[in-house]
Amino acid sequence: MNTELNIQDLSVILIGALAVVFVARKFLKQFIEPEENPKCDKCPVSHKNLKIEK
């Protein structure tokens, strides 16, 4: 059984580890940082933001 790691094995491990870190940071960012301008359909709207043209 060949137990030595060649350059292809090391590169796959490195790219896989970087991908896991990238996805984990994106996932955790959703829970840590709130949205700056959340979009929703049922948000309460203040009357001063409403502009009704006649």
Protein backbone atom coordinates (compact mmCIF):
# COMPACT_ATOMS: atom_id res chain seq x y z
CA MET A 1 0.00 0.00 0.00
CA ASN A 2 1.38 3.38 -1.02
CA THR A 3 1.16 5.76 1.96
CA GLU A 4 3.09 8.75 0.64
CA LEU A 5 1.20 11.87 -0.43
CA ASN A 6 1.98 13.23 -3.84
CA ILE A 7 1.42 16.79 -5.05
CA GLN A 8 -2.08 15.99 -6.36
CA ASP A 9 -3.22 14.66 -3.01
CA LEU A 10 -1.85 17.70 -1.18
CA SER A 11 -3.49 20.10 -3.63
CA VAL A 12 -6.88 18.36 -3.28
CA ILE A 13 -6.65 18.50 0.52
CA LEU A 14 -5.66 22.19 0.40
CA ILE A 15 -8.46 23.16 -2.01
CA GLY A 16 -11.00 21.14 -0.01
CA ALA A 17 -9.93 22.79 3.25
CA LEU A 18 -10.17 26.25 1.69
CA ALA A 19 -13.64 25.47 0.34
CA VAL A 20 -14.83 24.29 3.77
CA VAL A 21 -13.49 27.47 5.39
CA PHE A 22 -15.14 29.65 2.73
CA VAL A 23 -18.54 27.97 3.11
CA ALA A 24 -18.33 28.02 6.92
CA ARG A 25 -17.58 31.76 6.93
CA LYS A 26 -20.49 32.49 4.58
CA PHE A 27 -22.81 30.34 6.70
CA LEU A 28 -21.78 31.89 10.02
CA LYS A 29 -21.94 35.42 8.59
CA GLN A 30 -25.70 34.99 8.12
CA PHE A 31 -26.13 34.46 11.87
CA ILE A 32 -23.61 37.02 13.13
CA GLU A 33 -24.23 40.06 10.91
CA PRO A 34 -27.77 41.37 10.43
CA GLU A 35 -28.94 42.48 7.02
CA GLU A 36 -28.53 46.21 6.44
CA ASN A 37 -31.63 46.59 4.29
CA PRO A 38 -33.89 43.57 4.79
CA LYS A 39 -36.54 43.02 2.17
CA CYS A 40 -39.89 41.69 3.32
CA ASP A 41 -43.50 41.80 2.22
CA LYS A 42 -45.16 42.30 5.59
CA CYS A 43 -42.90 44.95 7.13
CA PRO A 44 -44.63 47.82 8.95
CA VAL A 45 -44.27 51.07 7.00
CA SER A 46 -44.19 54.40 8.76
CA HIS A 47 -46.49 57.09 7.40
CA LYS A 48 -43.70 59.57 6.78
CA ASN A 49 -42.10 57.13 4.30
CA LEU A 50 -45.31 56.87 2.28
CA LYS A 51 -45.60 59.24 -0.64
CA ILE A 52 -49.10 59.35 -2.05
CA GLU A 53 -49.42 61.41 -5.22
CA LYS A 54 -52.78 62.87 -6.17
